[in-house]
PDB file of N, CA and C in Angstrom:
ATOM      1  N   MET A   1      -7.004 -18.480  24.822  1.00  0.00           N
ATOM      2  CA  MET A   1      -5.964 -18.591  23.820  1.00  0.00           C
ATOM      3  C   MET A   1      -5.801 -20.048  23.409  1.00  0.00           C
ATOM      4  N   SER A   2      -5.655 -20.257  22.150  1.00  0.00           N
ATOM      5  CA  SER A   2      -5.494 -21.602  21.624  1.00  0.00           C
ATOM      6  C   SER A   2      -4.135 -22.166  22.003  1.00  0.00           C
ATOM      7  N   GLU A   3      -4.128 -23.430  22.423  1.00  0.00           N
ATOM      8  CA  GLU A   3      -2.873 -24.070  22.821  1.00  0.00           C
ATOM      9  C   GLU A   3      -1.997 -24.408  21.630  1.00  0.00           C
ATOM     10  N   ASP A   4      -2.580 -24.529  20.434  1.00  0.00           N
ATOM     11  CA  ASP A   4      -1.773 -24.893  19.274  1.00  0.00           C
ATOM     12  C   ASP A   4      -1.140 -23.674  18.597  1.00  0.00           C
ATOM     13  N   LYS A   5      -1.438 -22.479  19.084  1.00  0.00           N
ATOM     14  CA  LYS A   5      -0.827 -21.273  18.508  1.00  0.00           C
ATOM     15  C   LYS A   5       0.647 -21.236  18.891  1.00  0.00           C
ATOM     16  N   GLN A   6       1.500 -21.008  17.913  1.00  0.00           N
ATOM     17  CA  GLN A   6       2.937 -21.045  18.146  1.00  0.00           C
ATOM     18  C   GLN A   6       3.495 -19.653  18.400  1.00  0.00           C
ATOM     19  N   PHE A   7       4.315 -19.545  19.411  1.00  0.00           N
ATOM     20  CA  PHE A   7       4.995 -18.306  19.742  1.00  0.00           C
ATOM     21  C   PHE A   7       6.491 -18.543  19.663  1.00  0.00           C
ATOM     22  N   PHE A   8       7.236 -17.471  19.605  1.00  0.00           N
ATOM     23  CA  PHE A   8       8.679 -17.582  19.483  1.00  0.00           C
ATOM     24  C   PHE A   8       9.340 -17.284  20.815  1.00  0.00           C
ATOM     25  N   GLY A   9      10.361 -18.054  21.136  1.00  0.00           N
ATOM     26  CA  GLY A   9      11.079 -17.878  22.396  1.00  0.00           C
ATOM     27  C   GLY A   9      12.013 -16.688  22.378  1.00  0.00           C
ATOM     28  N   GLN A  10      12.545 -16.355  21.205  1.00  0.00           N
ATOM     29  CA  GLN A  10      13.458 -15.225  21.078  1.00  0.00           C
ATOM     30  C   GLN A  10      13.109 -14.429  19.825  1.00  0.00           C
ATOM     31  N   HIS A  11      13.150 -13.122  19.979  1.00  0.00           N
ATOM     32  CA  HIS A  11      12.919 -12.222  18.853  1.00  0.00           C
ATOM     33  C   HIS A  11      14.180 -11.404  18.619  1.00  0.00           C
ATOM     34  N   LEU A  12      14.671 -11.432  17.409  1.00  0.00           N
ATOM     35  CA  LEU A  12      15.830 -10.648  17.021  1.00  0.00           C
ATOM     36  C   LEU A  12      15.317  -9.501  16.155  1.00  0.00           C
ATOM     37  N   PHE A  13      15.544  -8.285  16.612  1.00  0.00           N
ATOM     38  CA  PHE A  13      15.141  -7.105  15.864  1.00  0.00           C
ATOM     39  C   PHE A  13      16.386  -6.449  15.282  1.00  0.00           C
ATOM     40  N   ILE A  14      16.393  -6.251  13.978  1.00  0.00           N
ATOM     41  CA  ILE A  14      17.521  -5.620  13.316  1.00  0.00           C
ATOM     42  C   ILE A  14      17.071  -4.258  12.797  1.00  0.00           C
ATOM     43  N   CYS A  15      17.819  -3.238  13.172  1.00  0.00           N
ATOM     44  CA  CYS A  15      17.498  -1.882  12.741  1.00  0.00           C
ATOM     45  C   CYS A  15      17.722  -1.776  11.236  1.00  0.00           C
ATOM     46  N   MET A  16      16.700  -1.310  10.544  1.00  0.00           N
ATOM     47  CA  MET A  16      16.767  -1.148   9.094  1.00  0.00           C
ATOM     48  C   MET A  16      16.611   0.329   8.718  1.00  0.00           C
ATOM     49  N   ASN A  17      16.742   1.205   9.691  1.00  0.00           N
ATOM     50  CA  ASN A  17      16.448   2.619   9.492  1.00  0.00           C
ATOM     51  C   ASN A  17      17.333   3.269   8.434  1.00  0.00           C
ATOM     52  N   GLN A  18      16.682   4.034   7.570  1.00  0.00           N
ATOM     53  CA  GLN A  18      17.363   4.837   6.555  1.00  0.00           C
ATOM     54  C   GLN A  18      17.090   6.299   6.863  1.00  0.00           C
ATOM     55  N   ARG A  19      18.121   7.035   7.215  1.00  0.00           N
ATOM     56  CA  ARG A  19      17.970   8.468   7.490  1.00  0.00           C
ATOM     57  C   ARG A  19      18.174   9.248   6.205  1.00  0.00           C
ATOM     58  N   ASP A  20      17.376  10.289   6.037  1.00  0.00           N
ATOM     59  CA  ASP A  20      17.460  11.113   4.837  1.00  0.00           C
ATOM     60  C   ASP A  20      18.218  12.411   5.059  1.00  0.00           C
ATOM     61  N   ASP A  21      18.699  12.622   6.276  1.00  0.00           N
ATOM     62  CA  ASP A  21      19.334  13.909   6.600  1.00  0.00           C
ATOM     63  C   ASP A  21      20.861  13.860   6.602  1.00  0.00           C
ATOM     64  N   GLY A  22      21.435  12.759   6.114  1.00  0.00           N
ATOM     65  CA  GLY A  22      22.883  12.660   6.026  1.00  0.00           C
ATOM     66  C   GLY A  22      23.564  12.058   7.235  1.00  0.00           C
ATOM     67  N   ARG A  23      22.836  11.897   8.338  1.00  0.00           N
ATOM     68  CA  ARG A  23      23.437  11.268   9.512  1.00  0.00           C
ATOM     69  C   ARG A  23      23.602   9.769   9.274  1.00  0.00           C
ATOM     70  N   GLU A  24      24.566   9.173   9.982  1.00  0.00           N
ATOM     71  CA  GLU A  24      24.794   7.741   9.830  1.00  0.00           C
ATOM     72  C   GLU A  24      23.544   6.962  10.217  1.00  0.00           C
ATOM     73  N   CYS A  25      23.358   5.829   9.552  1.00  0.00           N
ATOM     74  CA  CYS A  25      22.212   4.984   9.870  1.00  0.00           C
ATOM     75  C   CYS A  25      22.562   3.531   9.582  1.00  0.00           C
ATOM     76  N   CYS A  26      21.778   2.649  10.155  1.00  0.00           N
ATOM     77  CA  CYS A  26      22.042   1.220  10.012  1.00  0.00           C
ATOM     78  C   CYS A  26      21.864   0.738   8.576  1.00  0.00           C
ATOM     79  N   ALA A  27      20.907   1.318   7.853  1.00  0.00           N
ATOM     80  CA  ALA A  27      20.682   0.901   6.467  1.00  0.00           C
ATOM     81  C   ALA A  27      21.924   1.121   5.613  1.00  0.00           C
ATOM     82  N   GLU A  28      22.633   2.211   5.861  1.00  0.00           N
ATOM     83  CA  GLU A  28      23.844   2.496   5.089  1.00  0.00           C
ATOM     84  C   GLU A  28      25.018   1.614   5.497  1.00  0.00           C
ATOM     85  N   ARG A  29      24.873   0.898   6.586  1.00  0.00           N
ATOM     86  CA  ARG A  29      25.942   0.023   7.079  1.00  0.00           C
ATOM     87  C   ARG A  29      25.635  -1.450   6.834  1.00  0.00           C
ATOM     88  N   GLY A  30      24.810  -1.718   5.842  1.00  0.00           N
ATOM     89  CA  GLY A  30      24.585  -3.104   5.430  1.00  0.00           C
ATOM     90  C   GLY A  30      23.460  -3.843   6.121  1.00  0.00           C
ATOM     91  N   ALA A  31      22.525  -3.133   6.716  1.00  0.00           N
ATOM     92  CA  ALA A  31      21.455  -3.790   7.469  1.00  0.00           C
ATOM     93  C   ALA A  31      20.574  -4.686   6.601  1.00  0.00           C
ATOM     94  N   HIS A  32      20.317  -4.288   5.368  1.00  0.00           N
ATOM     95  CA  HIS A  32      19.436  -5.089   4.510  1.00  0.00           C
ATOM     96  C   HIS A  32      20.065  -6.439   4.170  1.00  0.00           C
ATOM     97  N   ALA A  33      21.333  -6.436   3.826  1.00  0.00           N
ATOM     98  CA  ALA A  33      22.031  -7.699   3.554  1.00  0.00           C
ATOM     99  C   ALA A  33      22.137  -8.538   4.820  1.00  0.00           C
ATOM    100  N   ALA A  34      22.377  -7.889   5.943  1.00  0.00           N
ATOM    101  CA  ALA A  34      22.482  -8.608   7.219  1.00  0.00           C
ATOM    102  C   ALA A  34      21.166  -9.283   7.578  1.00  0.00           C
ATOM    103  N   GLN A  35      20.065  -8.582   7.358  1.00  0.00           N
ATOM    104  CA  GLN A  35      18.755  -9.146   7.674  1.00  0.00           C
ATOM    105  C   GLN A  35      18.484 -10.388   6.818  1.00  0.00           C
ATOM    106  N   LYS A  36      18.830 -10.321   5.553  1.00  0.00           N
ATOM    107  CA  LYS A  36      18.649 -11.483   4.675  1.00  0.00           C
ATOM    108  C   LYS A  36      19.504 -12.652   5.146  1.00  0.00           C
ATOM    109  N   HIS A  37      20.738 -12.354   5.534  1.00  0.00           N
ATOM    110  CA  HIS A  37      21.633 -13.402   6.025  1.00  0.00           C
ATOM    111  C   HIS A  37      21.084 -14.032   7.301  1.00  0.00           C
ATOM    112  N   LEU A  38      20.648 -13.210   8.239  1.00  0.00           N
ATOM    113  CA  LEU A  38      20.105 -13.718   9.505  1.00  0.00           C
ATOM    114  C   LEU A  38      18.905 -14.623   9.266  1.00  0.00           C
ATOM    115  N   LYS A  39      17.965 -14.175   8.451  1.00  0.00           N
ATOM    116  CA  LYS A  39      16.764 -14.977   8.176  1.00  0.00           C
ATOM    117  C   LYS A  39      17.135 -16.306   7.531  1.00  0.00           C
ATOM    118  N   ALA A  40      18.039 -16.267   6.559  1.00  0.00           N
ATOM    119  CA  ALA A  40      18.442 -17.496   5.871  1.00  0.00           C
ATOM    120  C   ALA A  40      19.127 -18.460   6.830  1.00  0.00           C
ATOM    121  N   ARG A  41      20.004 -17.948   7.671  1.00  0.00           N
ATOM    122  CA  ARG A  41      20.747 -18.810   8.600  1.00  0.00           C
ATOM    123  C   ARG A  41      19.828 -19.405   9.663  1.00  0.00           C
ATOM    124  N   VAL A  42      18.912 -18.607  10.198  1.00  0.00           N
ATOM    125  CA  VAL A  42      17.961 -19.108  11.190  1.00  0.00           C
ATOM    126  C   VAL A  42      17.083 -20.191  10.558  1.00  0.00           C
ATOM    127  N   LYS A  43      16.666 -19.967   9.329  1.00  0.00           N
ATOM    128  CA  LYS A  43      15.863 -20.966   8.616  1.00  0.00           C
ATOM    129  C   LYS A  43      16.678 -22.231   8.357  1.00  0.00           C
ATOM    130  N   GLU A  44      17.923 -22.056   7.916  1.00  0.00           N
ATOM    131  CA  GLU A  44      18.816 -23.183   7.642  1.00  0.00           C
ATOM    132  C   GLU A  44      18.998 -24.065   8.873  1.00  0.00           C
ATOM    133  N   LEU A  45      19.082 -23.437  10.036  1.00  0.00           N
ATOM    134  CA  LEU A  45      19.265 -24.171  11.288  1.00  0.00           C
ATOM    135  C   LEU A  45      17.961 -24.761  11.830  1.00  0.00           C
ATOM    136  N   GLY A  46      16.842 -24.461  11.180  1.00  0.00           N
ATOM    137  CA  GLY A  46      15.560 -24.989  11.620  1.00  0.00           C
ATOM    138  C   GLY A  46      14.977 -24.274  12.826  1.00  0.00           C
ATOM    139  N   LEU A  47      15.525 -23.114  13.161  1.00  0.00           N
ATOM    140  CA  LEU A  47      15.078 -22.406  14.360  1.00  0.00           C
ATOM    141  C   LEU A  47      13.760 -21.670  14.145  1.00  0.00           C
ATOM    142  N   SER A  48      13.499 -21.220  12.933  1.00  0.00           N
ATOM    143  CA  SER A  48      12.235 -20.522  12.674  1.00  0.00           C
ATOM    144  C   SER A  48      11.089 -21.521  12.576  1.00  0.00           C
ATOM    145  N   ARG A  49      11.359 -22.651  11.995  1.00  0.00           N
ATOM    146  CA  ARG A  49      10.347 -23.694  11.848  1.00  0.00           C
ATOM    147  C   ARG A  49       9.898 -24.223  13.198  1.00  0.00           C
ATOM    148  N   SER A  50      10.822 -24.330  14.129  1.00  0.00           N
ATOM    149  CA  SER A  50      10.491 -24.877  15.438  1.00  0.00           C
ATOM    150  C   SER A  50       9.857 -23.845  16.358  1.00  0.00           C
ATOM    151  N   GLY A  51       9.805 -22.582  15.904  1.00  0.00           N
ATOM    152  CA  GLY A  51       9.208 -21.545  16.735  1.00  0.00           C
ATOM    153  C   GLY A  51      10.142 -20.997  17.786  1.00  0.00           C
ATOM    154  N   GLU A  52      11.417 -21.265  17.656  1.00  0.00           N
ATOM    155  CA  GLU A  52      12.372 -20.780  18.652  1.00  0.00           C
ATOM    156  C   GLU A  52      12.773 -19.336  18.421  1.00  0.00           C
ATOM    157  N   VAL A  53      12.998 -18.955  17.168  1.00  0.00           N
ATOM    158  CA  VAL A  53      13.573 -17.645  16.866  1.00  0.00           C
ATOM    159  C   VAL A  53      12.767 -16.968  15.761  1.00  0.00           C
ATOM    160  N   ARG A  54      12.547 -15.674  15.935  1.00  0.00           N
ATOM    161  CA  ARG A  54      11.911 -14.853  14.901  1.00  0.00           C
ATOM    162  C   ARG A  54      12.842 -13.691  14.601  1.00  0.00           C
ATOM    163  N   VAL A  55      13.157 -13.469  13.333  1.00  0.00           N
ATOM    164  CA  VAL A  55      13.967 -12.335  12.914  1.00  0.00           C
ATOM    165  C   VAL A  55      13.011 -11.274  12.374  1.00  0.00           C
ATOM    166  N   ASN A  56      13.006 -10.113  13.012  1.00  0.00           N
ATOM    167  CA  ASN A  56      12.117  -9.025  12.618  1.00  0.00           C
ATOM    168  C   ASN A  56      12.906  -7.807  12.179  1.00  0.00           C
ATOM    169  N   GLN A  57      12.370  -7.095  11.204  1.00  0.00           N
ATOM    170  CA  GLN A  57      12.914  -5.797  10.825  1.00  0.00           C
ATOM    171  C   GLN A  57      12.380  -4.767  11.809  1.00  0.00           C
ATOM    172  N   ALA A  58      13.200  -3.782  12.098  1.00  0.00           N
ATOM    173  CA  ALA A  58      12.768  -2.682  12.970  1.00  0.00           C
ATOM    174  C   ALA A  58      13.112  -1.367  12.311  1.00  0.00           C
ATOM    175  N   GLY A  59      12.324  -0.362  12.631  1.00  0.00           N
ATOM    176  CA  GLY A  59      12.679   0.995  12.259  1.00  0.00           C
ATOM    177  C   GLY A  59      13.803   1.433  13.175  1.00  0.00           C
ATOM    178  N   CYS A  60      13.967   2.707  13.326  1.00  0.00           N
ATOM    179  CA  CYS A  60      15.074   3.221  14.123  1.00  0.00           C
ATOM    180  C   CYS A  60      14.996   2.721  15.560  1.00  0.00           C
ATOM    181  N   LEU A  61      16.074   2.117  16.005  1.00  0.00           N
ATOM    182  CA  LEU A  61      16.171   1.651  17.387  1.00  0.00           C
ATOM    183  C   LEU A  61      16.897   2.662  18.267  1.00  0.00           C
ATOM    184  N   GLY A  62      17.263   3.806  17.684  1.00  0.00           N
ATOM    185  CA  GLY A  62      17.825   4.908  18.459  1.00  0.00           C
ATOM    186  C   GLY A  62      19.289   4.789  18.822  1.00  0.00           C
ATOM    187  N   ARG A  63      19.995   3.853  18.214  1.00  0.00           N
ATOM    188  CA  ARG A  63      21.410   3.674  18.541  1.00  0.00           C
ATOM    189  C   ARG A  63      22.270   3.610  17.282  1.00  0.00           C
ATOM    190  N   CYS A  64      21.896   4.384  16.285  1.00  0.00           N
ATOM    191  CA  CYS A  64      22.607   4.344  14.997  1.00  0.00           C
ATOM    192  C   CYS A  64      24.088   4.670  15.136  1.00  0.00           C
ATOM    193  N   GLU A  65      24.432   5.526  16.084  1.00  0.00           N
ATOM    194  CA  GLU A  65      25.839   5.876  16.258  1.00  0.00           C
ATOM    195  C   GLU A  65      26.677   4.690  16.726  1.00  0.00           C
ATOM    196  N   GLU A  66      26.022   3.647  17.226  1.00  0.00           N
ATOM    197  CA  GLU A  66      26.716   2.438  17.656  1.00  0.00           C
ATOM    198  C   GLU A  66      26.513   1.313  16.656  1.00  0.00           C
ATOM    199  N   GLY A  67      25.873   1.610  15.574  1.00  0.00           N
ATOM    200  CA  GLY A  67      25.394   0.602  14.655  1.00  0.00           C
ATOM    201  C   GLY A  67      26.378   0.134  13.623  1.00  0.00           C
ATOM    202  N   PRO A  68      25.864  -0.787  12.862  1.00  0.00           N
ATOM    203  CA  PRO A  68      24.494  -1.245  12.819  1.00  0.00           C
ATOM    204  C   PRO A  68      24.163  -2.045  14.083  1.00  0.00           C
ATOM    205  N   VAL A  69      22.869  -2.078  14.426  1.00  0.00           N
ATOM    206  CA  VAL A  69      22.489  -2.700  15.691  1.00  0.00           C
ATOM    207  C   VAL A  69      21.405  -3.756  15.538  1.00  0.00           C
ATOM    208  N   ILE A  70      21.461  -4.672  16.504  1.00  0.00           N
ATOM    209  CA  ILE A  70      20.484  -5.753  16.672  1.00  0.00           C
ATOM    210  C   ILE A  70      20.153  -5.783  18.159  1.00  0.00           C
ATOM    211  N   VAL A  71      18.910  -6.052  18.488  1.00  0.00           N
ATOM    212  CA  VAL A  71      18.542  -6.314  19.878  1.00  0.00           C
ATOM    213  C   VAL A  71      17.765  -7.630  19.910  1.00  0.00           C
ATOM    214  N   ILE A  72      18.062  -8.442  20.913  1.00  0.00           N
ATOM    215  CA  ILE A  72      17.410  -9.742  21.047  1.00  0.00           C
ATOM    216  C   ILE A  72      16.593  -9.746  22.332  1.00  0.00           C
ATOM    217  N   TYR A  73      15.316 -10.086  22.196  1.00  0.00           N
ATOM    218  CA  TYR A  73      14.416 -10.214  23.342  1.00  0.00           C
ATOM    219  C   TYR A  73      13.986 -11.658  23.476  1.00  0.00           C
ATOM    220  N   PRO A  74      13.718 -12.148  24.686  1.00  0.00           N
ATOM    221  CA  PRO A  74      13.390 -11.361  25.868  1.00  0.00           C
ATOM    222  C   PRO A  74      14.593 -10.901  26.687  1.00  0.00           C
ATOM    223  N   GLN A  75      15.794 -11.264  26.316  1.00  0.00           N
ATOM    224  CA  GLN A  75      16.966 -10.906  27.110  1.00  0.00           C
ATOM    225  C   GLN A  75      17.254  -9.412  27.096  1.00  0.00           C
ATOM    226  N   GLY A  76      16.923  -8.729  26.008  1.00  0.00           N
ATOM    227  CA  GLY A  76      17.230  -7.306  25.888  1.00  0.00           C
ATOM    228  C   GLY A  76      18.705  -7.049  25.642  1.00  0.00           C
ATOM    229  N   THR A  77      19.356  -7.951  24.941  1.00  0.00           N
ATOM    230  CA  THR A  77      20.784  -7.836  24.655  1.00  0.00           C
ATOM    231  C   THR A  77      20.981  -7.110  23.325  1.00  0.00           C
ATOM    232  N   TRP A  78      21.812  -6.073  23.349  1.00  0.00           N
ATOM    233  CA  TRP A  78      22.110  -5.268  22.163  1.00  0.00           C
ATOM    234  C   TRP A  78      23.461  -5.659  21.591  1.00  0.00           C
ATOM    235  N   TYR A  79      23.501  -5.772  20.260  1.00  0.00           N
ATOM    236  CA  TYR A  79      24.738  -6.111  19.563  1.00  0.00           C
ATOM    237  C   TYR A  79      24.961  -5.158  18.394  1.00  0.00           C
ATOM    238  N   THR A  80      26.235  -5.040  18.034  1.00  0.00           N
ATOM    239  CA  THR A  80      26.622  -4.468  16.760  1.00  0.00           C
ATOM    240  C   THR A  80      27.337  -5.562  15.986  1.00  0.00           C
ATOM    241  N   TYR A  81      27.562  -5.348  14.712  1.00  0.00           N
ATOM    242  CA  TYR A  81      28.210  -6.362  13.874  1.00  0.00           C
ATOM    243  C   TYR A  81      28.902  -5.673  12.713  1.00  0.00           C
ATOM    244  N   VAL A  82      29.849  -6.377  12.123  1.00  0.00           N
ATOM    245  CA  VAL A  82      30.581  -5.856  10.978  1.00  0.00           C
ATOM    246  C   VAL A  82      30.295  -6.689   9.732  1.00  0.00           C
ATOM    247  N   ASP A  83      30.212  -8.001   9.902  1.00  0.00           N
ATOM    248  CA  ASP A  83      30.098  -8.882   8.748  1.00  0.00           C
ATOM    249  C   ASP A  83      29.277 -10.128   9.092  1.00  0.00           C
ATOM    250  N   ASN A  84      29.154 -11.028   8.115  1.00  0.00           N
ATOM    251  CA  ASN A  84      28.371 -12.247   8.323  1.00  0.00           C
ATOM    252  C   ASN A  84      28.968 -13.150   9.390  1.00  0.00           C
ATOM    253  N   GLU A  85      30.273 -13.109   9.559  1.00  0.00           N
ATOM    254  CA  GLU A  85      30.896 -13.917  10.606  1.00  0.00           C
ATOM    255  C   GLU A  85      30.418 -13.457  11.984  1.00  0.00           C
ATOM    256  N   ASP A  86      30.291 -12.141  12.174  1.00  0.00           N
ATOM    257  CA  ASP A  86      29.747 -11.625  13.434  1.00  0.00           C
ATOM    258  C   ASP A  86      28.300 -12.074  13.619  1.00  0.00           C
ATOM    259  N   LEU A  87      27.510 -11.996  12.553  1.00  0.00           N
ATOM    260  CA  LEU A  87      26.111 -12.416  12.633  1.00  0.00           C
ATOM    261  C   LEU A  87      26.004 -13.896  12.960  1.00  0.00           C
ATOM    262  N   ASP A  88      26.847 -14.708  12.338  1.00  0.00           N
ATOM    263  CA  ASP A  88      26.838 -16.142  12.630  1.00  0.00           C
ATOM    264  C   ASP A  88      27.218 -16.415  14.079  1.00  0.00           C
ATOM    265  N   GLU A  89      28.156 -15.642  14.603  1.00  0.00           N
ATOM    266  CA  GLU A  89      28.554 -15.817  15.996  1.00  0.00           C
ATOM    267  C   GLU A  89      27.391 -15.474  16.934  1.00  0.00           C
ATOM    268  N   ILE A  90      26.656 -14.425  16.616  1.00  0.00           N
ATOM    269  CA  ILE A  90      25.487 -14.064  17.424  1.00  0.00           C
ATOM    270  C   ILE A  90      24.456 -15.187  17.389  1.00  0.00           C
ATOM    271  N   ILE A  91      24.223 -15.742  16.214  1.00  0.00           N
ATOM    272  CA  ILE A  91      23.269 -16.854  16.100  1.00  0.00           C
ATOM    273  C   ILE A  91      23.752 -18.067  16.879  1.00  0.00           C
ATOM    274  N   ASP A  92      24.999 -18.477  16.626  1.00  0.00           N
ATOM    275  CA  ASP A  92      25.520 -19.702  17.233  1.00  0.00           C
ATOM    276  C   ASP A  92      25.674 -19.594  18.749  1.00  0.00           C
ATOM    277  N   VAL A  93      26.225 -18.487  19.199  1.00  0.00           N
ATOM    278  CA  VAL A  93      26.532 -18.352  20.625  1.00  0.00           C
ATOM    279  C   VAL A  93      25.312 -17.900  21.422  1.00  0.00           C
ATOM    280  N   HIS A  94      24.613 -16.869  20.944  1.00  0.00           N
ATOM    281  CA  HIS A  94      23.501 -16.330  21.714  1.00  0.00           C
ATOM    282  C   HIS A  94      22.201 -17.098  21.480  1.00  0.00           C
ATOM    283  N   LEU A  95      21.748 -17.151  20.227  1.00  0.00           N
ATOM    284  CA  LEU A  95      20.450 -17.760  19.952  1.00  0.00           C
ATOM    285  C   LEU A  95      20.443 -19.263  20.195  1.00  0.00           C
ATOM    286  N   VAL A  96      21.496 -19.942  19.782  1.00  0.00           N
ATOM    287  CA  VAL A  96      21.556 -21.389  19.957  1.00  0.00           C
ATOM    288  C   VAL A  96      22.154 -21.763  21.312  1.00  0.00           C
ATOM    289  N   GLY A  97      23.280 -21.126  21.662  1.00  0.00           N
ATOM    290  CA  GLY A  97      24.001 -21.505  22.876  1.00  0.00           C
ATOM    291  C   GLY A  97      23.548 -20.830  24.157  1.00  0.00           C
ATOM    292  N   GLY A  98      22.775 -19.750  24.037  1.00  0.00           N
ATOM    293  CA  GLY A  98      22.261 -19.081  25.225  1.00  0.00           C
ATOM    294  C   GLY A  98      23.262 -18.228  25.980  1.00  0.00           C
ATOM    295  N   LYS A  99      24.371 -17.865  25.326  1.00  0.00           N
ATOM    296  CA  LYS A  99      25.392 -17.059  25.977  1.00  0.00           C
ATOM    297  C   LYS A  99      25.564 -15.728  25.232  1.00  0.00           C
ATOM    298  N   VAL A 100      25.968 -14.712  25.952  1.00  0.00           N
ATOM    299  CA  VAL A 100      26.186 -13.395  25.363  1.00  0.00           C
ATOM    300  C   VAL A 100      27.520 -13.374  24.620  1.00  0.00           C
ATOM    301  N   VAL A 101      27.532 -12.738  23.472  1.00  0.00           N
ATOM    302  CA  VAL A 101      28.759 -12.531  22.712  1.00  0.00           C
ATOM    303  C   VAL A 101      29.340 -11.186  23.179  1.00  0.00           C
ATOM    304  N   ASP A 102      30.186 -11.247  24.189  1.00  0.00           N
ATOM    305  CA  ASP A 102      30.670 -10.029  24.831  1.00  0.00           C
ATOM    306  C   ASP A 102      31.367  -9.063  23.876  1.00  0.00           C
ATOM    307  N   ARG A 103      32.123  -9.579  22.928  1.00  0.00           N
ATOM    308  CA  ARG A 103      32.900  -8.693  22.053  1.00  0.00           C
ATOM    309  C   ARG A 103      32.013  -7.868  21.114  1.00  0.00           C
ATOM    310  N   LEU A 104      30.762  -8.278  20.902  1.00  0.00           N
ATOM    311  CA  LEU A 104      29.843  -7.567  20.016  1.00  0.00           C
ATOM    312  C   LEU A 104      28.743  -6.824  20.779  1.00  0.00           C
ATOM    313  N   LYS A 105      28.698  -7.021  22.080  1.00  0.00           N
ATOM    314  CA  LYS A 105      27.649  -6.409  22.893  1.00  0.00           C
ATOM    315  C   LYS A 105      27.871  -4.910  23.036  1.00  0.00           C
ATOM    316  N   ILE A 106      26.770  -4.152  22.945  1.00  0.00           N
ATOM    317  CA  ILE A 106      26.841  -2.707  23.173  1.00  0.00           C
ATOM    318  C   ILE A 106      25.918  -2.337  24.314  1.00  0.00           C
TER     319      ILE A 106
END
């Protein structure tokens, strides 16, 4: 493996699942706007450029009833969110600060 290949220390997966059967899903709860916000904020903070954080879209993560949902690896921490302020708190406290945001954890 090449030593100059860059890997990410943390991966944030955001459920973008759209269900067609009428059941609740993350896409209907603002996942697309949230994903755009997360990517922009991570980029703004320089975290994607440095290889620290990668924001990925995910299909169904199987927890739509608790959603919308995000999972961050390698920690395996699951979060829900309501608005951009919640997303910013996850970025600032978890991704940057290394601490769990207990009030949003599921």
